Amino acid sequence: MKNSNFKQIVIEISGACNAHCPFCITGRGDIKPGKMMSLDLFKKTVLRLKELELAADDCILALYSWGEPFLNPEINEILEFCADVNHKVYLSTNASVYKSLSSKAINAITYMFISMPGFSQTAYNRIHGFDVRKIKANIENFVRDFKKYSQPGFIQLRQHIYQWNPEEIPMCARFAARLGVDFYPYYAYVAHYDLFKKYKFGQLDRETEQEINNNILTYYLHNYKNEPDFECPQFDMLSLDESANVVACCNLAKNCDKFVLFNIFDENAKEKMCARINMEECQYCFQTGLAQISHTAGIPLWANEIKNCEYKQVKKEKKNKWLKNIFG
């Protein structure tokens, strides 16, 4: 697809995140918080994407990248506009902020992923830094609202698995089962491109390297087969920041060189699209296997068909069997 009729477009509606994840570029404080995308700019951005024929008719809008979307005070109106222009939405949230959404806004959402570092206050103290009781209450409120409006999509709880929290998987799974939502435990990873790159190639200071080794399940980083036919999914996506700048990749952050390629409102914006696939950093990321690792890092824990660290699609039946086993 490369440069036209994208099936998925990332639009960062919040330039800030309130979590303190030590292995994420925003959580480490390595980038300054940005602004919120206004409803007016969001509308203009989506209409501009349609004008340039960059958004396919069935394009999914992912309204998050490095920020927490529910920090945006106009998120309800943004979602309602997505419904008006017939674009479904992906959301990812840490559930630290609950907002009552209208039925129209909720029905624009196809998936809402809720990231959890565990199910105890101890886990939250180590990663997100939130009150776990408030998180659980917010999740229950969201589930209640989605069910109230017969939301056709679904909520999925995504528990990040570290070396020290596997015993919390059954607790989180039971919570999800009680609420009637999907549960997806997967390995936590280093969500910080520069940190990840330095770690992979032995360029980190000893203290930071030890921090990663003591928390992250890093086997996949050291035993990885780079597949020559791997196609980076970023080339089939388009990513924009909260100022409507087209960025190289949703895995890169604002402090990376050449993060911003151009603004979507530039006169020759469509002609500039080719810059996305000719970046030196992109070629390096792809050739060294960083791209493949970062897109398969969160291998779900029920995926037993892992061979040479390749990710293979796991059928729903196998996942359900795995979840049933942890209750035993």
C-alpha atoms as a PDB file:
ATOM      1  CA  MET A   1       0.000   0.000   0.000  1.00  0.00           C
ATOM      2  CA  LYS A   2       2.840   2.335   0.987  1.00  0.00           C
ATOM      3  CA  ASN A   3       1.489   5.796   0.221  1.00  0.00           C
ATOM      4  CA  SER A   4      -2.237   5.770  -0.541  1.00  0.00           C
ATOM      5  CA  ASN A   5      -5.562   4.497   0.752  1.00  0.00           C
ATOM      6  CA  PHE A   6      -4.287   3.573   4.178  1.00  0.00           C
ATOM      7  CA  LYS A   7      -6.371   1.049   6.115  1.00  0.00           C
ATOM      8  CA  GLN A   8      -5.098   2.392   9.437  1.00  0.00           C
ATOM      9  CA  ILE A   9      -4.055   5.909  10.366  1.00  0.00           C
ATOM     10  CA  VAL A  10      -2.648   6.863  13.746  1.00  0.00           C
ATOM     11  CA  ILE A  11      -3.632  10.319  14.962  1.00  0.00           C
ATOM     12  CA  GLU A  12      -2.183  11.377  18.304  1.00  0.00           C
ATOM     13  CA  ILE A  13      -4.954  13.337  20.021  1.00  0.00           C
ATOM     14  CA  SER A  14      -3.003  13.663  23.263  1.00  0.00           C
ATOM     15  CA  GLY A  15       0.615  14.750  23.369  1.00  0.00           C
ATOM     16  CA  ALA A  16       0.969  13.716  27.002  1.00  0.00           C
ATOM     17  CA  CYS A  17       0.742  10.617  29.163  1.00  0.00           C
ATOM     18  CA  ASN A  18       0.295  10.525  32.934  1.00  0.00           C
ATOM     19  CA  ALA A  19       1.799   7.061  33.540  1.00  0.00           C
ATOM     20  CA  HIS A  20       5.375   6.555  34.706  1.00  0.00           C
ATOM     21  CA  CYS A  21       6.418   3.405  32.881  1.00  0.00           C
ATOM     22  CA  PRO A  22      10.219   3.080  33.244  1.00  0.00           C
ATOM     23  CA  PHE A  23      10.638   1.378  29.872  1.00  0.00           C
ATOM     24  CA  CYS A  24       8.566   3.837  27.825  1.00  0.00           C
ATOM     25  CA  ILE A  25       9.955   7.051  26.399  1.00  0.00           C
ATOM     26  CA  THR A  26       7.161   9.153  27.897  1.00  0.00           C
ATOM     27  CA  GLY A  27       7.253   7.391  31.250  1.00  0.00           C
ATOM     28  CA  ARG A  28      11.018   7.903  31.576  1.00  0.00           C
ATOM     29  CA  GLY A  29      10.524  11.619  30.983  1.00  0.00           C
ATOM     30  CA  ASP A  30      12.818  11.673  27.951  1.00  0.00           C
ATOM     31  CA  ILE A  31      10.374  13.811  25.976  1.00  0.00           C
ATOM     32  CA  LYS A  32       8.438  16.855  27.124  1.00  0.00           C
ATOM     33  CA  PRO A  33       4.652  16.584  27.283  1.00  0.00           C
ATOM     34  CA  GLY A  34       2.963  17.927  24.191  1.00  0.00           C
ATOM     35  CA  LYS A  35      -0.375  19.621  23.664  1.00  0.00           C
ATOM     36  CA  MET A  36      -3.832  18.209  23.089  1.00  0.00           C
ATOM     37  CA  MET A  37      -5.153  18.093  19.533  1.00  0.00           C
ATOM     38  CA  SER A  38      -8.213  20.317  19.398  1.00  0.00           C
ATOM     39  CA  LEU A  39     -11.514  19.135  17.977  1.00  0.00           C
ATOM     40  CA  ASP A  40     -11.208  21.734  15.228  1.00  0.00           C
ATOM     41  CA  LEU A  41      -7.739  20.554  14.182  1.00  0.00           C
ATOM     42  CA  PHE A  42      -8.835  16.932  14.348  1.00  0.00           C
ATOM     43  CA  LYS A  43     -11.774  17.595  12.035  1.00  0.00           C
ATOM     44  CA  LYS A  44      -9.593  19.477   9.573  1.00  0.00           C
ATOM     45  CA  THR A  45      -6.962  16.741   9.695  1.00  0.00           C
ATOM     46  CA  VAL A  46      -9.405  13.936   8.933  1.00  0.00           C
ATOM     47  CA  LEU A  47     -11.015  15.923   6.115  1.00  0.00           C
ATOM     48  CA  ARG A  48      -7.564  16.708   4.726  1.00  0.00           C
ATOM     49  CA  LEU A  49      -6.661  13.009   4.743  1.00  0.00           C
ATOM     50  CA  LYS A  50      -9.835  12.273   2.820  1.00  0.00           C
ATOM     51  CA  GLU A  51      -9.170  15.134   0.411  1.00  0.00           C
ATOM     52  CA  LEU A  52      -5.717  13.701  -0.354  1.00  0.00           C
ATOM     53  CA  GLU A  53      -7.281  10.229  -0.737  1.00  0.00           C
ATOM     54  CA  LEU A  54      -4.956   8.881   1.935  1.00  0.00           C
ATOM     55  CA  ALA A  55      -7.699   7.421   4.109  1.00  0.00           C
ATOM     56  CA  ALA A  56      -9.502   4.411   2.668  1.00  0.00           C
ATOM     57  CA  ASP A  57     -13.277   4.415   3.073  1.00  0.00           C
ATOM     58  CA  ASP A  58     -12.965   1.705   5.731  1.00  0.00           C
ATOM     59  CA  CYS A  59      -9.878   3.228   7.347  1.00  0.00           C
ATOM     60  CA  ILE A  60      -9.519   2.673  11.105  1.00  0.00           C
ATOM     61  CA  LEU A  61      -8.369   5.726  13.080  1.00  0.00           C
ATOM     62  CA  ALA A  62      -6.102   4.830  16.001  1.00  0.00           C
ATOM     63  CA  LEU A  63      -6.332   7.831  18.315  1.00  0.00           C
ATOM     64  CA  TYR A  64      -3.194   7.156  20.319  1.00  0.00           C
ATOM     65  CA  SER A  65       0.535   6.696  19.950  1.00  0.00           C
ATOM     66  CA  TRP A  66       2.585   7.869  22.952  1.00  0.00           C
ATOM     67  CA  GLY A  67      -0.169   9.816  24.708  1.00  0.00           C
ATOM     68  CA  GLU A  68      -3.155   8.964  26.900  1.00  0.00           C
ATOM     69  CA  PRO A  69      -6.221   9.815  24.771  1.00  0.00           C
ATOM     70  CA  PHE A  70      -8.592  10.322  27.711  1.00  0.00           C
ATOM     71  CA  LEU A  71      -6.529  13.305  28.831  1.00  0.00           C
ATOM     72  CA  ASN A  72      -7.961  15.154  25.841  1.00  0.00           C
ATOM     73  CA  PRO A  73     -10.946  17.153  27.153  1.00  0.00           C
ATOM     74  CA  GLU A  74     -12.691  16.913  23.761  1.00  0.00           C
ATOM     75  CA  ILE A  75     -12.386  13.155  23.292  1.00  0.00           C
ATOM     76  CA  ASN A  76     -16.175  12.629  23.310  1.00  0.00           C
ATOM     77  CA  GLU A  77     -16.664  15.183  20.519  1.00  0.00           C
ATOM     78  CA  ILE A  78     -13.708  13.753  18.576  1.00  0.00           C
ATOM     79  CA  LEU A  79     -15.250  10.287  18.707  1.00  0.00           C
ATOM     80  CA  GLU A  80     -18.635  11.632  17.666  1.00  0.00           C
ATOM     81  CA  PHE A  81     -17.040  13.271  14.636  1.00  0.00           C
ATOM     82  CA  CYS A  82     -15.445   9.935  13.708  1.00  0.00           C
ATOM     83  CA  ALA A  83     -18.956   8.471  13.748  1.00  0.00           C
ATOM     84  CA  ASP A  84     -20.193  11.326  11.544  1.00  0.00           C
ATOM     85  CA  VAL A  85     -17.572  10.560   8.874  1.00  0.00           C
ATOM     86  CA  ASN A  86     -18.016   6.784   9.178  1.00  0.00           C
ATOM     87  CA  HIS A  87     -14.571   5.937  10.500  1.00  0.00           C
ATOM     88  CA  LYS A  88     -14.204   3.357  13.246  1.00  0.00           C
ATOM     89  CA  VAL A  89     -11.720   3.947  16.053  1.00  0.00           C
ATOM     90  CA  TYR A  90      -9.071   2.100  18.039  1.00  0.00           C
ATOM     91  CA  LEU A  91      -8.296   3.428  21.508  1.00  0.00           C
ATOM     92  CA  SER A  92      -5.606   2.420  23.964  1.00  0.00           C
ATOM     93  CA  THR A  93      -5.759   3.679  27.525  1.00  0.00           C
ATOM     94  CA  ASN A  94      -4.240   3.080  30.942  1.00  0.00           C
ATOM     95  CA  ALA A  95      -7.715   3.658  32.480  1.00  0.00           C
ATOM     96  CA  SER A  96      -6.377   6.290  34.860  1.00  0.00           C
ATOM     97  CA  VAL A  97      -9.046   8.708  33.625  1.00  0.00           C
ATOM     98  CA  TYR A  98     -12.699   7.802  33.265  1.00  0.00           C
ATOM     99  CA  LYS A  99     -14.977   9.905  31.093  1.00  0.00           C
ATOM    100  CA  SER A 100     -18.621   9.271  30.423  1.00  0.00           C
ATOM    101  CA  LEU A 101     -18.979   8.992  26.659  1.00  0.00           C
ATOM    102  CA  SER A 102     -22.141   9.389  24.619  1.00  0.00           C
ATOM    103  CA  SER A 103     -23.692   6.403  22.867  1.00  0.00           C
ATOM    104  CA  LYS A 104     -22.652   7.918  19.545  1.00  0.00           C
ATOM    105  CA  ALA A 105     -19.034   8.224  20.709  1.00  0.00           C
ATOM    106  CA  ILE A 106     -18.925   4.709  22.130  1.00  0.00           C
ATOM    107  CA  ASN A 107     -20.344   3.174  18.983  1.00  0.00           C
ATOM    108  CA  ALA A 108     -17.511   4.698  16.963  1.00  0.00           C
ATOM    109  CA  ILE A 109     -15.055   2.535  18.908  1.00  0.00           C
ATOM    110  CA  THR A 110     -14.196  -0.850  17.430  1.00  0.00           C
ATOM    111  CA  TYR A 111     -11.600  -1.800  20.058  1.00  0.00           C
ATOM    112  CA  MET A 112     -10.510  -0.230  23.296  1.00  0.00           C
ATOM    113  CA  PHE A 113      -7.339  -1.711  24.749  1.00  0.00           C
ATOM    114  CA  ILE A 114      -6.677  -1.178  28.448  1.00  0.00           C
ATOM    115  CA  SER A 115      -3.054  -1.627  29.496  1.00  0.00           C
ATOM    116  CA  MET A 116      -2.373  -3.008  32.971  1.00  0.00           C
ATOM    117  CA  PRO A 117       1.045  -3.744  34.551  1.00  0.00           C
ATOM    118  CA  GLY A 118      -0.549  -6.242  36.913  1.00  0.00           C
ATOM    119  CA  PHE A 119      -3.408  -6.478  39.349  1.00  0.00           C
ATOM    120  CA  SER A 120      -1.874  -5.317  42.635  1.00  0.00           C
ATOM    121  CA  GLN A 121      -0.834  -1.993  44.093  1.00  0.00           C
ATOM    122  CA  THR A 122       2.726  -3.327  44.220  1.00  0.00           C
ATOM    123  CA  ALA A 123       2.712  -3.808  40.443  1.00  0.00           C
ATOM    124  CA  TYR A 124       1.247  -0.355  39.863  1.00  0.00           C
ATOM    125  CA  ASN A 125       3.827   1.218  42.169  1.00  0.00           C
ATOM    126  CA  ARG A 126       6.591  -0.288  40.037  1.00  0.00           C
ATOM    127  CA  ILE A 127       5.188   0.726  36.639  1.00  0.00           C
ATOM    128  CA  HIS A 128       2.222   3.037  36.064  1.00  0.00           C
ATOM    129  CA  GLY A 129       2.200   4.746  39.449  1.00  0.00           C
ATOM    130  CA  PHE A 130      -1.606   4.779  39.814  1.00  0.00           C
ATOM    131  CA  ASP A 131      -4.029   3.694  42.530  1.00  0.00           C
ATOM    132  CA  VAL A 132      -5.073   0.211  41.420  1.00  0.00           C
ATOM    133  CA  ARG A 133      -8.471   0.575  43.123  1.00  0.00           C
ATOM    134  CA  LYS A 134      -9.270   3.605  40.983  1.00  0.00           C
ATOM    135  CA  ILE A 135      -8.093   1.787  37.849  1.00  0.00           C
ATOM    136  CA  LYS A 136     -10.414  -1.147  38.539  1.00  0.00           C
ATOM    137  CA  ALA A 137     -13.333   1.206  39.232  1.00  0.00           C
ATOM    138  CA  ASN A 138     -12.688   3.110  35.993  1.00  0.00           C
ATOM    139  CA  ILE A 139     -12.568  -0.127  34.001  1.00  0.00           C
ATOM    140  CA  GLU A 140     -15.861  -1.234  35.522  1.00  0.00           C
ATOM    141  CA  ASN A 141     -17.400   2.121  34.574  1.00  0.00           C
ATOM    142  CA  PHE A 142     -16.200   1.838  30.983  1.00  0.00           C
ATOM    143  CA  VAL A 143     -17.531  -1.713  30.684  1.00  0.00           C
ATOM    144  CA  ARG A 144     -20.881  -0.614  32.124  1.00  0.00           C
ATOM    145  CA  ASP A 145     -21.140   2.205  29.566  1.00  0.00           C
ATOM    146  CA  PHE A 146     -20.175  -0.005  26.626  1.00  0.00           C
ATOM    147  CA  LYS A 147     -22.773  -2.597  27.591  1.00  0.00           C
ATOM    148  CA  LYS A 148     -25.408   0.069  28.168  1.00  0.00           C
ATOM    149  CA  TYR A 149     -25.088   1.253  24.575  1.00  0.00           C
ATOM    150  CA  SER A 150     -24.704  -2.219  23.058  1.00  0.00           C
ATOM    151  CA  GLN A 151     -21.223  -1.438  21.810  1.00  0.00           C
ATOM    152  CA  PRO A 152     -20.527  -3.682  18.775  1.00  0.00           C
ATOM    153  CA  GLY A 153     -16.772  -3.742  19.384  1.00  0.00           C
ATOM    154  CA  PHE A 154     -15.101  -4.825  22.557  1.00  0.00           C
ATOM    155  CA  ILE A 155     -12.869  -3.910  25.464  1.00  0.00           C
ATOM    156  CA  GLN A 156      -9.684  -5.881  25.907  1.00  0.00           C
ATOM    157  CA  LEU A 157      -7.581  -5.939  29.082  1.00  0.00           C
ATOM    158  CA  ARG A 158      -3.909  -6.210  28.160  1.00  0.00           C
ATOM    159  CA  GLN A 159      -1.755  -7.259  31.070  1.00  0.00           C
ATOM    160  CA  HIS A 160       1.948  -6.586  30.556  1.00  0.00           C
ATOM    161  CA  ILE A 161       3.969  -9.501  31.913  1.00  0.00           C
ATOM    162  CA  TYR A 162       7.242  -8.804  33.703  1.00  0.00           C
ATOM    163  CA  GLN A 163       9.594 -11.174  35.494  1.00  0.00           C
ATOM    164  CA  TRP A 164       7.906 -10.419  38.791  1.00  0.00           C
ATOM    165  CA  ASN A 165       4.149 -10.476  38.053  1.00  0.00           C
ATOM    166  CA  PRO A 166       3.147 -13.791  36.367  1.00  0.00           C
ATOM    167  CA  GLU A 167       1.281 -14.805  39.531  1.00  0.00           C
ATOM    168  CA  GLU A 168      -1.115 -11.904  38.905  1.00  0.00           C
ATOM    169  CA  ILE A 169      -2.283 -13.320  35.561  1.00  0.00           C
ATOM    170  CA  PRO A 170      -5.107 -15.410  37.109  1.00  0.00           C
ATOM    171  CA  MET A 171      -6.347 -12.421  39.126  1.00  0.00           C
ATOM    172  CA  CYS A 172      -6.523 -10.208  36.053  1.00  0.00           C
ATOM    173  CA  ALA A 173      -8.069 -13.015  34.002  1.00  0.00           C
ATOM    174  CA  ARG A 174     -10.814 -13.539  36.585  1.00  0.00           C
ATOM    175  CA  PHE A 175     -11.491  -9.805  36.673  1.00  0.00           C
ATOM    176  CA  ALA A 176     -11.872  -9.752  32.880  1.00  0.00           C
ATOM    177  CA  ALA A 177     -14.095 -12.846  32.964  1.00  0.00           C
ATOM    178  CA  ARG A 178     -16.327 -11.298  35.614  1.00  0.00           C
ATOM    179  CA  LEU A 179     -16.754  -8.186  33.495  1.00  0.00           C
ATOM    180  CA  GLY A 180     -17.263 -10.185  30.313  1.00  0.00           C
ATOM    181  CA  VAL A 181     -14.355  -8.593  28.431  1.00  0.00           C
ATOM    182  CA  ASP A 182     -11.421 -10.044  26.511  1.00  0.00           C
ATOM    183  CA  PHE A 183      -8.120 -10.765  28.281  1.00  0.00           C
ATOM    184  CA  TYR A 184      -4.764 -10.597  26.532  1.00  0.00           C
ATOM    185  CA  PRO A 185      -1.614 -11.099  28.640  1.00  0.00           C
ATOM    186  CA  TYR A 186       1.609 -10.430  26.783  1.00  0.00           C
ATOM    187  CA  TYR A 187       5.258  -9.754  27.439  1.00  0.00           C
ATOM    188  CA  ALA A 188       6.219  -6.232  28.405  1.00  0.00           C
ATOM    189  CA  TYR A 189       8.924  -4.777  26.188  1.00  0.00           C
ATOM    190  CA  VAL A 190      11.120  -1.712  25.873  1.00  0.00           C
ATOM    191  CA  ALA A 191       8.795   0.878  24.309  1.00  0.00           C
ATOM    192  CA  HIS A 192      11.600   3.337  23.683  1.00  0.00           C
ATOM    193  CA  TYR A 193      13.306   3.050  20.309  1.00  0.00           C
ATOM    194  CA  ASP A 194      16.644   4.603  21.239  1.00  0.00           C
ATOM    195  CA  LEU A 195      16.860   2.730  24.546  1.00  0.00           C
ATOM    196  CA  PHE A 196      15.851  -0.488  22.805  1.00  0.00           C
ATOM    197  CA  LYS A 197      18.454  -0.041  20.073  1.00  0.00           C
ATOM    198  CA  LYS A 198      21.259   0.661  22.544  1.00  0.00           C
ATOM    199  CA  TYR A 199      20.260  -2.320  24.669  1.00  0.00           C
ATOM    200  CA  LYS A 200      20.127  -4.663  21.696  1.00  0.00           C
ATOM    201  CA  PHE A 201      23.604  -3.695  20.529  1.00  0.00           C
ATOM    202  CA  GLY A 202      25.323  -3.419  23.907  1.00  0.00           C
ATOM    203  CA  GLN A 203      25.589   0.370  24.043  1.00  0.00           C
ATOM    204  CA  LEU A 204      23.763   1.052  27.313  1.00  0.00           C
ATOM    205  CA  ASP A 205      25.317   2.014  30.611  1.00  0.00           C
ATOM    206  CA  ARG A 206      25.562  -0.887  33.056  1.00  0.00           C
ATOM    207  CA  GLU A 207      22.899   0.429  35.453  1.00  0.00           C
ATOM    208  CA  THR A 208      20.214   0.858  32.778  1.00  0.00           C
ATOM    209  CA  GLU A 209      21.058  -2.476  31.177  1.00  0.00           C
ATOM    210  CA  GLN A 210      20.695  -4.178  34.556  1.00  0.00           C
ATOM    211  CA  GLU A 211      17.368  -2.429  35.118  1.00  0.00           C
ATOM    212  CA  ILE A 212      16.025  -3.956  31.903  1.00  0.00           C
ATOM    213  CA  ASN A 213      17.505  -7.394  32.661  1.00  0.00           C
ATOM    214  CA  ASN A 214      15.901  -7.416  36.111  1.00  0.00           C
ATOM    215  CA  ASN A 215      12.409  -6.588  34.871  1.00  0.00           C
ATOM    216  CA  ILE A 216      11.809  -7.439  31.214  1.00  0.00           C
ATOM    217  CA  LEU A 217      11.639 -11.010  29.881  1.00  0.00           C
ATOM    218  CA  THR A 218      14.411 -10.428  27.349  1.00  0.00           C
ATOM    219  CA  TYR A 219      14.867 -13.890  25.860  1.00  0.00           C
ATOM    220  CA  TYR A 220      13.397 -12.841  22.531  1.00  0.00           C
ATOM    221  CA  LEU A 221      15.953 -10.030  22.211  1.00  0.00           C
ATOM    222  CA  HIS A 222      18.905 -12.360  22.431  1.00  0.00           C
ATOM    223  CA  ASN A 223      17.534 -15.321  20.494  1.00  0.00           C
ATOM    224  CA  TYR A 224      15.947 -13.768  17.472  1.00  0.00           C
ATOM    225  CA  LYS A 225      16.007 -14.853  13.850  1.00  0.00           C
ATOM    226  CA  ASN A 226      15.674 -11.934  11.458  1.00  0.00           C
ATOM    227  CA  GLU A 227      13.392 -12.984   8.621  1.00  0.00           C
ATOM    228  CA  PRO A 228      14.459 -11.472   5.260  1.00  0.00           C
ATOM    229  CA  ASP A 229      10.873 -11.467   3.959  1.00  0.00           C
ATOM    230  CA  PHE A 230       9.485  -9.554   6.940  1.00  0.00           C
ATOM    231  CA  GLU A 231       7.409  -6.552   5.854  1.00  0.00           C
ATOM    232  CA  CYS A 232       7.287  -3.721   8.344  1.00  0.00           C
ATOM    233  CA  PRO A 233       3.607  -2.874   8.981  1.00  0.00           C
ATOM    234  CA  GLN A 234       4.521   0.783   9.492  1.00  0.00           C
ATOM    235  CA  PHE A 235       4.737   1.221   5.720  1.00  0.00           C
ATOM    236  CA  ASP A 236       1.067   0.280   5.456  1.00  0.00           C
ATOM    237  CA  MET A 237       0.091   2.773   8.144  1.00  0.00           C
ATOM    238  CA  LEU A 238       0.241   6.529   8.414  1.00  0.00           C
ATOM    239  CA  SER A 239       1.090   8.262  11.690  1.00  0.00           C
ATOM    240  CA  LEU A 240       0.413  11.870  12.653  1.00  0.00           C
ATOM    241  CA  ASP A 241       1.316  13.704  15.843  1.00  0.00           C
ATOM    242  CA  GLU A 242      -0.926  16.086  17.792  1.00  0.00           C
ATOM    243  CA  SER A 243       0.035  18.966  15.469  1.00  0.00           C
ATOM    244  CA  ALA A 244      -0.997  17.038  12.343  1.00  0.00           C
ATOM    245  CA  ASN A 245       2.606  16.408  11.357  1.00  0.00           C
ATOM    246  CA  VAL A 246       3.227  13.195   9.445  1.00  0.00           C
ATOM    247  CA  VAL A 247       5.878  11.283  11.361  1.00  0.00           C
ATOM    248  CA  ALA A 248       8.199   8.556  10.215  1.00  0.00           C
ATOM    249  CA  CYS A 249       6.832   5.796  12.403  1.00  0.00           C
ATOM    250  CA  CYS A 250       4.591   5.443  15.446  1.00  0.00           C
ATOM    251  CA  ASN A 251       7.461   3.643  17.222  1.00  0.00           C
ATOM    252  CA  LEU A 252       9.668   6.721  17.047  1.00  0.00           C
ATOM    253  CA  ALA A 253       9.269   9.603  19.468  1.00  0.00           C
ATOM    254  CA  LYS A 254       9.644  13.351  19.243  1.00  0.00           C
ATOM    255  CA  ASN A 255      13.271  13.488  20.270  1.00  0.00           C
ATOM    256  CA  CYS A 256      14.380  11.207  17.421  1.00  0.00           C
ATOM    257  CA  ASP A 257      16.143  12.814  14.479  1.00  0.00           C
ATOM    258  CA  LYS A 258      13.829  13.435  11.517  1.00  0.00           C
ATOM    259  CA  PHE A 259      10.789  12.391  13.540  1.00  0.00           C
ATOM    260  CA  VAL A 260       8.620  14.924  11.702  1.00  0.00           C
ATOM    261  CA  LEU A 261       8.581  14.560   7.932  1.00  0.00           C
ATOM    262  CA  PHE A 262       6.060  17.220   6.936  1.00  0.00           C
ATOM    263  CA  ASN A 263       2.682  18.659   7.898  1.00  0.00           C
ATOM    264  CA  ILE A 264      -0.447  17.158   6.393  1.00  0.00           C
ATOM    265  CA  PHE A 265      -1.565  20.660   5.348  1.00  0.00           C
ATOM    266  CA  ASP A 266       1.578  21.335   3.281  1.00  0.00           C
ATOM    267  CA  GLU A 267       0.725  22.118  -0.315  1.00  0.00           C
ATOM    268  CA  ASN A 268       2.729  19.208  -1.695  1.00  0.00           C
ATOM    269  CA  ALA A 269       1.983  16.828   1.169  1.00  0.00           C
ATOM    270  CA  LYS A 270       1.106  13.877  -1.013  1.00  0.00           C
ATOM    271  CA  GLU A 271       4.318  14.210  -3.019  1.00  0.00           C
ATOM    272  CA  LYS A 272       6.330  14.154   0.209  1.00  0.00           C
ATOM    273  CA  MET A 273       4.961  10.780   1.200  1.00  0.00           C
ATOM    274  CA  CYS A 274       7.848   8.972  -0.473  1.00  0.00           C
ATOM    275  CA  ALA A 275      10.162  10.291   2.272  1.00  0.00           C
ATOM    276  CA  ARG A 276       8.592   7.768   4.637  1.00  0.00           C
ATOM    277  CA  ILE A 277      10.138   4.774   2.893  1.00  0.00           C
ATOM    278  CA  ASN A 278      13.525   6.315   2.137  1.00  0.00           C
ATOM    279  CA  MET A 279      14.657   7.310   5.607  1.00  0.00           C
ATOM    280  CA  GLU A 280      18.109   6.118   6.620  1.00  0.00           C
ATOM    281  CA  GLU A 281      16.890   5.203  10.123  1.00  0.00           C
ATOM    282  CA  CYS A 282      14.062   3.137   8.654  1.00  0.00           C
ATOM    283  CA  GLN A 283      16.500   1.163   6.542  1.00  0.00           C
ATOM    284  CA  TYR A 284      18.758   0.586   9.555  1.00  0.00           C
ATOM    285  CA  CYS A 285      15.818  -0.497  11.723  1.00  0.00           C
ATOM    286  CA  PHE A 286      14.636  -2.934   9.082  1.00  0.00           C
ATOM    287  CA  GLN A 287      18.028  -4.395   8.147  1.00  0.00           C
ATOM    288  CA  THR A 288      19.119  -5.004  11.749  1.00  0.00           C
ATOM    289  CA  GLY A 289      15.875  -6.719  12.684  1.00  0.00           C
ATOM    290  CA  LEU A 290      14.784  -4.013  15.114  1.00  0.00           C
ATOM    291  CA  ALA A 291      11.581  -3.499  13.160  1.00  0.00           C
ATOM    292  CA  GLN A 292      10.659  -7.164  13.311  1.00  0.00           C
ATOM    293  CA  ILE A 293      11.440  -7.484  17.011  1.00  0.00           C
ATOM    294  CA  SER A 294       9.480  -4.383  17.998  1.00  0.00           C
ATOM    295  CA  HIS A 295       6.402  -5.566  16.095  1.00  0.00           C
ATOM    296  CA  THR A 296       6.422  -9.072  17.553  1.00  0.00           C
ATOM    297  CA  ALA A 297       7.702  -8.314  21.056  1.00  0.00           C
ATOM    298  CA  GLY A 298       4.363  -8.678  22.801  1.00  0.00           C
ATOM    299  CA  ILE A 299       3.943 -12.350  21.950  1.00  0.00           C
ATOM    300  CA  PRO A 300       0.859 -13.575  23.827  1.00  0.00           C
ATOM    301  CA  LEU A 301       1.623 -16.066  26.570  1.00  0.00           C
ATOM    302  CA  TRP A 302      -0.735 -18.702  25.207  1.00  0.00           C
ATOM    303  CA  ALA A 303       1.131 -18.827  21.864  1.00  0.00           C
ATOM    304  CA  ASN A 304       2.820 -22.206  22.010  1.00  0.00           C
ATOM    305  CA  GLU A 305       3.651 -22.132  18.296  1.00  0.00           C
ATOM    306  CA  ILE A 306       6.747 -20.019  18.861  1.00  0.00           C
ATOM    307  CA  LYS A 307       9.664 -21.348  16.872  1.00  0.00           C
ATOM    308  CA  ASN A 308      12.848 -19.321  16.471  1.00  0.00           C
ATOM    309  CA  CYS A 309      10.881 -16.469  17.984  1.00  0.00           C
ATOM    310  CA  GLU A 310       8.568 -16.232  14.973  1.00  0.00           C
ATOM    311  CA  TYR A 311       5.045 -15.183  15.853  1.00  0.00           C
ATOM    312  CA  LYS A 312       2.304 -17.363  14.422  1.00  0.00           C
ATOM    313  CA  GLN A 313      -1.377 -16.618  14.623  1.00  0.00           C
ATOM    314  CA  VAL A 314      -2.960 -18.421  17.522  1.00  0.00           C
ATOM    315  CA  LYS A 315      -6.520 -19.614  17.162  1.00  0.00           C
ATOM    316  CA  LYS A 316      -9.123 -18.440  19.621  1.00  0.00           C
ATOM    317  CA  GLU A 317      -9.670 -22.014  20.812  1.00  0.00           C
ATOM    318  CA  LYS A 318      -6.051 -22.317  21.972  1.00  0.00           C
ATOM    319  CA  LYS A 319      -6.238 -19.007  23.800  1.00  0.00           C
ATOM    320  CA  ASN A 320      -9.445 -20.018  25.561  1.00  0.00           C
ATOM    321  CA  LYS A 321      -7.913 -23.359  26.548  1.00  0.00           C
ATOM    322  CA  TRP A 322      -4.893 -21.551  27.974  1.00  0.00           C
ATOM    323  CA  LEU A 323      -7.085 -19.177  29.960  1.00  0.00           C
ATOM    324  CA  LYS A 324      -9.111 -22.086  31.287  1.00  0.00           C
ATOM    325  CA  ASN A 325      -5.952 -23.806  32.480  1.00  0.00           C
ATOM    326  CA  ILE A 326      -4.803 -20.867  34.614  1.00  0.00           C
ATOM    327  CA  PHE A 327      -7.980 -21.088  36.656  1.00  0.00           C
ATOM    328  CA  GLY A 328      -7.145 -24.666  37.590  1.00  0.00           C
END
